[in-house]
Amino acid sequence: MAKSSKFALGAIIGAVAGIAAGILTAPKSGKETRADIKSKASDIKAEAFKKAEAAKTKATSTAEDLVERTESAVEGAKKGFQAKK
């Protein structure tokens, strides 16, 4: 895992821990606290889906690029082989 990925994961975990600590120590009723937790969890879930979609898009793009390069290399090798015949 790259340093930036580890840092981002650590930052997310730290943010979640900070939010949880803040919510659980706030002087609110249980009902309000549960609503806050549900709201924050929903926000985090939405952000995670956005990041997962971005990663999926990047992976797909990279895979497509790799396929194109491989096909090009194979075609070049075929032409080189035929030229040497």
PDB file of N, CA and C in Angstrom:
ATOM      1  N   MET A   1       0.858  -1.176   0.000  1.00  0.00           N
ATOM      2  CA  MET A   1       0.000   0.000   0.000  1.00  0.00           C
ATOM      3  C   MET A   1       0.900   1.233   0.000  1.00  0.00           C
ATOM      4  N   ALA A   2       0.588   2.193  -0.821  1.00  0.00           N
ATOM      5  CA  ALA A   2       1.385   3.411  -0.945  1.00  0.00           C
ATOM      6  C   ALA A   2       1.258   4.259   0.322  1.00  0.00           C
ATOM      7  N   LYS A   3       2.273   5.101   0.535  1.00  0.00           N
ATOM      8  CA  LYS A   3       2.271   5.961   1.721  1.00  0.00           C
ATOM      9  C   LYS A   3       1.036   6.852   1.760  1.00  0.00           C
ATOM     10  N   SER A   4       0.658   7.400   0.592  1.00  0.00           N
ATOM     11  CA  SER A   4      -0.494   8.294   0.563  1.00  0.00           C
ATOM     12  C   SER A   4      -1.781   7.540   0.887  1.00  0.00           C
ATOM     13  N   SER A   5      -1.878   6.272   0.462  1.00  0.00           N
ATOM     14  CA  SER A   5      -3.062   5.470   0.765  1.00  0.00           C
ATOM     15  C   SER A   5      -3.131   5.176   2.255  1.00  0.00           C
ATOM     16  N   LYS A   6      -1.977   4.859   2.841  1.00  0.00           N
ATOM     17  CA  LYS A   6      -1.944   4.587   4.274  1.00  0.00           C
ATOM     18  C   LYS A   6      -2.311   5.839   5.063  1.00  0.00           C
ATOM     19  N   PHE A   7      -1.804   6.985   4.606  1.00  0.00           N
ATOM     20  CA  PHE A   7      -2.118   8.233   5.286  1.00  0.00           C
ATOM     21  C   PHE A   7      -3.610   8.535   5.195  1.00  0.00           C
ATOM     22  N   ALA A   8      -4.187   8.358   3.999  1.00  0.00           N
ATOM     23  CA  ALA A   8      -5.612   8.632   3.810  1.00  0.00           C
ATOM     24  C   ALA A   8      -6.449   7.707   4.679  1.00  0.00           C
ATOM     25  N   LEU A   9      -6.083   6.422   4.724  1.00  0.00           N
ATOM     26  CA  LEU A   9      -6.817   5.476   5.558  1.00  0.00           C
ATOM     27  C   LEU A   9      -6.708   5.869   7.025  1.00  0.00           C
ATOM     28  N   GLY A  10      -5.517   6.249   7.450  1.00  0.00           N
ATOM     29  CA  GLY A  10      -5.327   6.680   8.830  1.00  0.00           C
ATOM     30  C   GLY A  10      -6.129   7.930   9.156  1.00  0.00           C
ATOM     31  N   ALA A  11      -6.177   8.855   8.197  1.00  0.00           N
ATOM     32  CA  ALA A  11      -6.944  10.085   8.401  1.00  0.00           C
ATOM     33  C   ALA A  11      -8.432   9.782   8.526  1.00  0.00           C
ATOM     34  N   ILE A  12      -8.918   8.863   7.702  1.00  0.00           N
ATOM     35  CA  ILE A  12     -10.338   8.492   7.763  1.00  0.00           C
ATOM     36  C   ILE A  12     -10.652   7.826   9.091  1.00  0.00           C
ATOM     37  N   ILE A  13      -9.799   6.887   9.506  1.00  0.00           N
ATOM     38  CA  ILE A  13     -10.022   6.198  10.775  1.00  0.00           C
ATOM     39  C   ILE A  13      -9.966   7.198  11.930  1.00  0.00           C
ATOM     40  N   GLY A  14      -9.017   8.116  11.879  1.00  0.00           N
ATOM     41  CA  GLY A  14      -8.918   9.140  12.914  1.00  0.00           C
ATOM     42  C   GLY A  14     -10.145  10.034  12.962  1.00  0.00           C
ATOM     43  N   ALA A  15     -10.644  10.402  11.787  1.00  0.00           N
ATOM     44  CA  ALA A  15     -11.841  11.250  11.730  1.00  0.00           C
ATOM     45  C   ALA A  15     -13.045  10.517  12.313  1.00  0.00           C
ATOM     46  N   VAL A  16     -13.192   9.246  11.953  1.00  0.00           N
ATOM     47  CA  VAL A  16     -14.314   8.448  12.477  1.00  0.00           C
ATOM     48  C   VAL A  16     -14.208   8.336  13.995  1.00  0.00           C
ATOM     49  N   ALA A  17     -13.000   8.067  14.491  1.00  0.00           N
ATOM     50  CA  ALA A  17     -12.815   7.954  15.941  1.00  0.00           C
ATOM     51  C   ALA A  17     -13.122   9.275  16.633  1.00  0.00           C
ATOM     52  N   GLY A  18     -12.684  10.376  16.030  1.00  0.00           N
ATOM     53  CA  GLY A  18     -12.957  11.689  16.610  1.00  0.00           C
ATOM     54  C   GLY A  18     -14.440  12.023  16.631  1.00  0.00           C
ATOM     55  N   ILE A  19     -15.111  11.707  15.552  1.00  0.00           N
ATOM     56  CA  ILE A  19     -16.553  11.953  15.484  1.00  0.00           C
ATOM     57  C   ILE A  19     -17.276  11.113  16.524  1.00  0.00           C
ATOM     58  N   ALA A  20     -16.899   9.826  16.597  1.00  0.00           N
ATOM     59  CA  ALA A  20     -17.544   8.935  17.562  1.00  0.00           C
ATOM     60  C   ALA A  20     -17.321   9.432  18.986  1.00  0.00           C
ATOM     61  N   ALA A  21     -16.104   9.831  19.305  1.00  0.00           N
ATOM     62  CA  ALA A  21     -15.808  10.321  20.649  1.00  0.00           C
ATOM     63  C   ALA A  21     -16.610  11.587  20.948  1.00  0.00           C
ATOM     64  N   GLY A  22     -16.679  12.466  19.967  1.00  0.00           N
ATOM     65  CA  GLY A  22     -17.441  13.696  20.157  1.00  0.00           C
ATOM     66  C   GLY A  22     -18.925  13.446  20.364  1.00  0.00           C
ATOM     67  N   ILE A  23     -19.460  12.545  19.601  1.00  0.00           N
ATOM     68  CA  ILE A  23     -20.894  12.238  19.713  1.00  0.00           C
ATOM     69  C   ILE A  23     -21.193  11.559  21.045  1.00  0.00           C
ATOM     70  N   LEU A  24     -20.351  10.597  21.416  1.00  0.00           N
ATOM     71  CA  LEU A  24     -20.621   9.829  22.626  1.00  0.00           C
ATOM     72  C   LEU A  24     -20.393  10.619  23.907  1.00  0.00           C
ATOM     73  N   THR A  25     -19.599  11.663  23.857  1.00  0.00           N
ATOM     74  CA  THR A  25     -19.355  12.463  25.071  1.00  0.00           C
ATOM     75  C   THR A  25     -20.214  13.721  25.114  1.00  0.00           C
ATOM     76  N   ALA A  26     -20.971  13.984  24.076  1.00  0.00           N
ATOM     77  CA  ALA A  26     -21.821  15.177  24.043  1.00  0.00           C
ATOM     78  C   ALA A  26     -23.000  15.001  25.007  1.00  0.00           C
ATOM     79  N   PRO A  27     -23.389  16.087  25.654  1.00  0.00           N
ATOM     80  CA  PRO A  27     -24.502  16.010  26.606  1.00  0.00           C
ATOM     81  C   PRO A  27     -25.859  16.027  25.886  1.00  0.00           C
ATOM     82  N   LYS A  28     -26.188  14.902  25.260  1.00  0.00           N
ATOM     83  CA  LYS A  28     -27.458  14.794  24.549  1.00  0.00           C
ATOM     84  C   LYS A  28     -28.189  13.556  25.030  1.00  0.00           C
ATOM     85  N   SER A  29     -29.460  13.494  24.689  1.00  0.00           N
ATOM     86  CA  SER A  29     -30.227  12.301  25.030  1.00  0.00           C
ATOM     87  C   SER A  29     -29.799  11.147  24.134  1.00  0.00           C
ATOM     88  N   GLY A  30     -30.151   9.952  24.520  1.00  0.00           N
ATOM     89  CA  GLY A  30     -29.823   8.767  23.727  1.00  0.00           C
ATOM     90  C   GLY A  30     -30.426   8.833  22.340  1.00  0.00           C
ATOM     91  N   LYS A  31     -31.650   9.330  22.258  1.00  0.00           N
ATOM     92  CA  LYS A  31     -32.333   9.428  20.965  1.00  0.00           C
ATOM     93  C   LYS A  31     -31.586  10.386  20.037  1.00  0.00           C
ATOM     94  N   GLU A  32     -31.175  11.531  20.553  1.00  0.00           N
ATOM     95  CA  GLU A  32     -30.423  12.501  19.747  1.00  0.00           C
ATOM     96  C   GLU A  32     -29.065  11.934  19.341  1.00  0.00           C
ATOM     97  N   THR A  33     -28.414  11.241  20.267  1.00  0.00           N
ATOM     98  CA  THR A  33     -27.100  10.653  19.981  1.00  0.00           C
ATOM     99  C   THR A  33     -27.217   9.613  18.883  1.00  0.00           C
ATOM    100  N   ARG A  34     -28.222   8.747  18.959  1.00  0.00           N
ATOM    101  CA  ARG A  34     -28.423   7.730  17.923  1.00  0.00           C
ATOM    102  C   ARG A  34     -28.692   8.377  16.568  1.00  0.00           C
ATOM    103  N   ALA A  35     -29.454   9.461  16.560  1.00  0.00           N
ATOM    104  CA  ALA A  35     -29.731  10.172  15.307  1.00  0.00           C
ATOM    105  C   ALA A  35     -28.447  10.769  14.735  1.00  0.00           C
ATOM    106  N   ASP A  36     -27.617  11.326  15.617  1.00  0.00           N
ATOM    107  CA  ASP A  36     -26.333  11.877  15.162  1.00  0.00           C
ATOM    108  C   ASP A  36     -25.437  10.778  14.591  1.00  0.00           C
ATOM    109  N   ILE A  37     -25.371   9.650  15.282  1.00  0.00           N
ATOM    110  CA  ILE A  37     -24.551   8.535  14.808  1.00  0.00           C
ATOM    111  C   ILE A  37     -25.044   8.050  13.456  1.00  0.00           C
ATOM    112  N   LYS A  38     -26.352   7.928  13.310  1.00  0.00           N
ATOM    113  CA  LYS A  38     -26.933   7.473  12.040  1.00  0.00           C
ATOM    114  C   LYS A  38     -26.607   8.458  10.916  1.00  0.00           C
ATOM    115  N   SER A  39     -26.707   9.746  11.201  1.00  0.00           N
ATOM    116  CA  SER A  39     -26.411  10.770  10.207  1.00  0.00           C
ATOM    117  C   SER A  39     -24.945  10.733   9.787  1.00  0.00           C
ATOM    118  N   LYS A  40     -24.048  10.664  10.755  1.00  0.00           N
ATOM    119  CA  LYS A  40     -22.612  10.636  10.456  1.00  0.00           C
ATOM    120  C   LYS A  40     -22.249   9.352   9.706  1.00  0.00           C
ATOM    121  N   ALA A  41     -22.838   8.229  10.097  1.00  0.00           N
ATOM    122  CA  ALA A  41     -22.569   6.958   9.411  1.00  0.00           C
ATOM    123  C   ALA A  41     -23.026   7.034   7.961  1.00  0.00           C
ATOM    124  N   SER A  42     -24.148   7.671   7.732  1.00  0.00           N
ATOM    125  CA  SER A  42     -24.651   7.840   6.374  1.00  0.00           C
ATOM    126  C   SER A  42     -23.700   8.698   5.545  1.00  0.00           C
ATOM    127  N   ASP A  43     -23.189   9.767   6.148  1.00  0.00           N
ATOM    128  CA  ASP A  43     -22.232  10.641   5.456  1.00  0.00           C
ATOM    129  C   ASP A  43     -20.955   9.876   5.104  1.00  0.00           C
ATOM    130  N   ILE A  44     -20.453   9.111   6.059  1.00  0.00           N
ATOM    131  CA  ILE A  44     -19.218   8.343   5.835  1.00  0.00           C
ATOM    132  C   ILE A  44     -19.443   7.284   4.764  1.00  0.00           C
ATOM    133  N   LYS A  45     -20.597   6.642   4.793  1.00  0.00           N
ATOM    134  CA  LYS A  45     -20.921   5.623   3.792  1.00  0.00           C
ATOM    135  C   LYS A  45     -20.969   6.241   2.396  1.00  0.00           C
ATOM    136  N   ALA A  46     -21.587   7.399   2.278  1.00  0.00           N
ATOM    137  CA  ALA A  46     -21.667   8.071   0.978  1.00  0.00           C
ATOM    138  C   ALA A  46     -20.278   8.434   0.467  1.00  0.00           C
ATOM    139  N   GLU A  47     -19.428   8.922   1.351  1.00  0.00           N
ATOM    140  CA  GLU A  47     -18.066   9.284   0.965  1.00  0.00           C
ATOM    141  C   GLU A  47     -17.273   8.047   0.553  1.00  0.00           C
ATOM    142  N   ALA A  48     -17.468   6.951   1.265  1.00  0.00           N
ATOM    143  CA  ALA A  48     -16.774   5.704   0.925  1.00  0.00           C
ATOM    144  C   ALA A  48     -17.214   5.211  -0.448  1.00  0.00           C
ATOM    145  N   PHE A  49     -18.493   5.306  -0.747  1.00  0.00           N
ATOM    146  CA  PHE A  49     -18.985   4.892  -2.072  1.00  0.00           C
ATOM    147  C   PHE A  49     -18.389   5.761  -3.177  1.00  0.00           C
ATOM    148  N   LYS A  50     -18.274   7.070  -2.922  1.00  0.00           N
ATOM    149  CA  LYS A  50     -17.666   7.967  -3.913  1.00  0.00           C
ATOM    150  C   LYS A  50     -16.231   7.565  -4.194  1.00  0.00           C
ATOM    151  N   LYS A  51     -15.479   7.313  -3.120  1.00  0.00           N
ATOM    152  CA  LYS A  51     -14.068   6.942  -3.279  1.00  0.00           C
ATOM    153  C   LYS A  51     -13.935   5.578  -3.960  1.00  0.00           C
ATOM    154  N   ALA A  52     -14.818   4.650  -3.624  1.00  0.00           N
ATOM    155  CA  ALA A  52     -14.775   3.328  -4.255  1.00  0.00           C
ATOM    156  C   ALA A  52     -15.092   3.442  -5.740  1.00  0.00           C
ATOM    157  N   GLU A  53     -16.042   4.271  -6.092  1.00  0.00           N
ATOM    158  CA  GLU A  53     -16.397   4.463  -7.501  1.00  0.00           C
ATOM    159  C   GLU A  53     -15.235   5.103  -8.266  1.00  0.00           C
ATOM    160  N   ALA A  54     -14.579   6.070  -7.639  1.00  0.00           N
ATOM    161  CA  ALA A  54     -13.426   6.701  -8.283  1.00  0.00           C
ATOM    162  C   ALA A  54     -12.297   5.681  -8.480  1.00  0.00           C
ATOM    163  N   ALA A  55     -12.069   4.840  -7.487  1.00  0.00           N
ATOM    164  CA  ALA A  55     -11.032   3.810  -7.603  1.00  0.00           C
ATOM    165  C   ALA A  55     -11.395   2.805  -8.694  1.00  0.00           C
ATOM    166  N   LYS A  56     -12.663   2.454  -8.770  1.00  0.00           N
ATOM    167  CA  LYS A  56     -13.131   1.509  -9.801  1.00  0.00           C
ATOM    168  C   LYS A  56     -12.928   2.103 -11.193  1.00  0.00           C
ATOM    169  N   THR A  57     -13.259   3.362 -11.352  1.00  0.00           N
ATOM    170  CA  THR A  57     -13.091   4.032 -12.638  1.00  0.00           C
ATOM    171  C   THR A  57     -11.629   4.071 -13.034  1.00  0.00           C
ATOM    172  N   LYS A  58     -10.769   4.406 -12.085  1.00  0.00           N
ATOM    173  CA  LYS A  58      -9.331   4.471 -12.369  1.00  0.00           C
ATOM    174  C   LYS A  58      -8.786   3.082 -12.714  1.00  0.00           C
ATOM    175  N   ALA A  59      -9.218   2.063 -11.993  1.00  0.00           N
ATOM    176  CA  ALA A  59      -8.754   0.703 -12.261  1.00  0.00           C
ATOM    177  C   ALA A  59      -9.209   0.240 -13.640  1.00  0.00           C
ATOM    178  N   THR A  60     -10.438   0.558 -14.008  1.00  0.00           N
ATOM    179  CA  THR A  60     -10.953   0.187 -15.321  1.00  0.00           C
ATOM    180  C   THR A  60     -10.159   0.874 -16.420  1.00  0.00           C
ATOM    181  N   SER A  61      -9.898   2.145 -16.239  1.00  0.00           N
ATOM    182  CA  SER A  61      -9.125   2.905 -17.217  1.00  0.00           C
ATOM    183  C   SER A  61      -7.716   2.334 -17.368  1.00  0.00           C
ATOM    184  N   THR A  62      -7.098   2.015 -16.250  1.00  0.00           N
ATOM    185  CA  THR A  62      -5.750   1.449 -16.276  1.00  0.00           C
ATOM    186  C   THR A  62      -5.748   0.087 -16.966  1.00  0.00           C
ATOM    187  N   ALA A  63      -6.746  -0.728 -16.679  1.00  0.00           N
ATOM    188  CA  ALA A  63      -6.841  -2.045 -17.302  1.00  0.00           C
ATOM    189  C   ALA A  63      -7.039  -1.920 -18.813  1.00  0.00           C
ATOM    190  N   GLU A  64      -7.894  -1.002 -19.233  1.00  0.00           N
ATOM    191  CA  GLU A  64      -8.127  -0.793 -20.663  1.00  0.00           C
ATOM    192  C   GLU A  64      -6.844  -0.331 -21.359  1.00  0.00           C
ATOM    193  N   ASP A  65      -6.113   0.565 -20.702  1.00  0.00           N
ATOM    194  CA  ASP A  65      -4.848   1.043 -21.254  1.00  0.00           C
ATOM    195  C   ASP A  65      -3.849  -0.106 -21.380  1.00  0.00           C
ATOM    196  N   LEU A  66      -3.806  -0.951 -20.380  1.00  0.00           N
ATOM    197  CA  LEU A  66      -2.897  -2.099 -20.404  1.00  0.00           C
ATOM    198  C   LEU A  66      -3.253  -3.061 -21.537  1.00  0.00           C
ATOM    199  N   VAL A  67      -4.538  -3.296 -21.745  1.00  0.00           N
ATOM    200  CA  VAL A  67      -4.979  -4.172 -22.840  1.00  0.00           C
ATOM    201  C   VAL A  67      -4.559  -3.576 -24.184  1.00  0.00           C
ATOM    202  N   GLU A  68      -4.770  -2.286 -24.358  1.00  0.00           N
ATOM    203  CA  GLU A  68      -4.389  -1.627 -25.615  1.00  0.00           C
ATOM    204  C   GLU A  68      -2.882  -1.740 -25.852  1.00  0.00           C
ATOM    205  N   ARG A  69      -2.086  -1.507 -24.825  1.00  0.00           N
ATOM    206  CA  ARG A  69      -0.631  -1.596 -24.966  1.00  0.00           C
ATOM    207  C   ARG A  69      -0.195  -3.030 -25.287  1.00  0.00           C
ATOM    208  N   THR A  70      -0.827  -3.983 -24.655  1.00  0.00           N
ATOM    209  CA  THR A  70      -0.496  -5.384 -24.898  1.00  0.00           C
ATOM    210  C   THR A  70      -0.838  -5.773 -26.330  1.00  0.00           C
ATOM    211  N   GLU A  71      -2.021  -5.378 -26.787  1.00  0.00           N
ATOM    212  CA  GLU A  71      -2.417  -5.683 -28.160  1.00  0.00           C
ATOM    213  C   GLU A  71      -1.457  -5.040 -29.151  1.00  0.00           C
ATOM    214  N   SER A  72      -1.046  -3.812 -28.878  1.00  0.00           N
ATOM    215  CA  SER A  72      -0.108  -3.115 -29.747  1.00  0.00           C
ATOM    216  C   SER A  72       1.246  -3.833 -29.775  1.00  0.00           C
ATOM    217  N   ALA A  73       1.693  -4.278 -28.616  1.00  0.00           N
ATOM    218  CA  ALA A  73       2.969  -4.996 -28.541  1.00  0.00           C
ATOM    219  C   ALA A  73       2.890  -6.323 -29.297  1.00  0.00           C
ATOM    220  N   VAL A  74       1.769  -7.020 -29.179  1.00  0.00           N
ATOM    221  CA  VAL A  74       1.590  -8.292 -29.885  1.00  0.00           C
ATOM    222  C   VAL A  74       1.593  -8.057 -31.396  1.00  0.00           C
ATOM    223  N   GLU A  75       0.896  -7.022 -31.835  1.00  0.00           N
ATOM    224  CA  GLU A  75       0.871  -6.712 -33.266  1.00  0.00           C
ATOM    225  C   GLU A  75       2.275  -6.367 -33.773  1.00  0.00           C
ATOM    226  N   GLY A  76       3.011  -5.596 -32.996  1.00  0.00           N
ATOM    227  CA  GLY A  76       4.378  -5.251 -33.378  1.00  0.00           C
ATOM    228  C   GLY A  76       5.265  -6.482 -33.462  1.00  0.00           C
ATOM    229  N   ALA A  77       5.083  -7.384 -32.510  1.00  0.00           N
ATOM    230  CA  ALA A  77       5.872  -8.619 -32.524  1.00  0.00           C
ATOM    231  C   ALA A  77       5.514  -9.474 -33.743  1.00  0.00           C
ATOM    232  N   LYS A  78       4.233  -9.548 -34.087  1.00  0.00           N
ATOM    233  CA  LYS A  78       3.805 -10.312 -35.268  1.00  0.00           C
ATOM    234  C   LYS A  78       4.432  -9.732 -36.531  1.00  0.00           C
ATOM    235  N   LYS A  79       4.396  -8.415 -36.661  1.00  0.00           N
ATOM    236  CA  LYS A  79       4.968  -7.764 -37.836  1.00  0.00           C
ATOM    237  C   LYS A  79       6.473  -8.009 -37.893  1.00  0.00           C
ATOM    238  N   GLY A  80       7.149  -7.918 -36.776  1.00  0.00           N
ATOM    239  CA  GLY A  80       8.587  -8.163 -36.729  1.00  0.00           C
ATOM    240  C   GLY A  80       8.917  -9.609 -37.083  1.00  0.00           C
ATOM    241  N   PHE A  81       8.104 -10.526 -36.620  1.00  0.00           N
ATOM    242  CA  PHE A  81       8.317 -11.945 -36.922  1.00  0.00           C
ATOM    243  C   PHE A  81       8.095 -12.217 -38.410  1.00  0.00           C
ATOM    244  N   GLN A  82       7.023 -11.632 -38.970  1.00  0.00           N
ATOM    245  CA  GLN A  82       6.736 -11.840 -40.383  1.00  0.00           C
ATOM    246  C   GLN A  82       7.813 -11.208 -41.270  1.00  0.00           C
ATOM    247  N   ALA A  83       8.365 -10.083 -40.832  1.00  0.00           N
ATOM    248  CA  ALA A  83       9.399  -9.408 -41.612  1.00  0.00           C
ATOM    249  C   ALA A  83      10.684 -10.228 -41.647  1.00  0.00           C
ATOM    250  N   LYS A  84      10.940 -10.998 -40.617  1.00  0.00           N
ATOM    251  CA  LYS A  84      12.160 -11.812 -40.555  1.00  0.00           C
ATOM    252  C   LYS A  84      12.023 -13.140 -41.303  1.00  0.00           C
ATOM    253  N   LYS A  85      10.822 -13.493 -41.701  1.00  0.00           N
ATOM    254  CA  LYS A  85      10.608 -14.756 -42.414  1.00  0.00           C
ATOM    255  C   LYS A  85      11.252 -14.732 -43.734  1.00  0.00           C
TER     256      LYS A  85
END
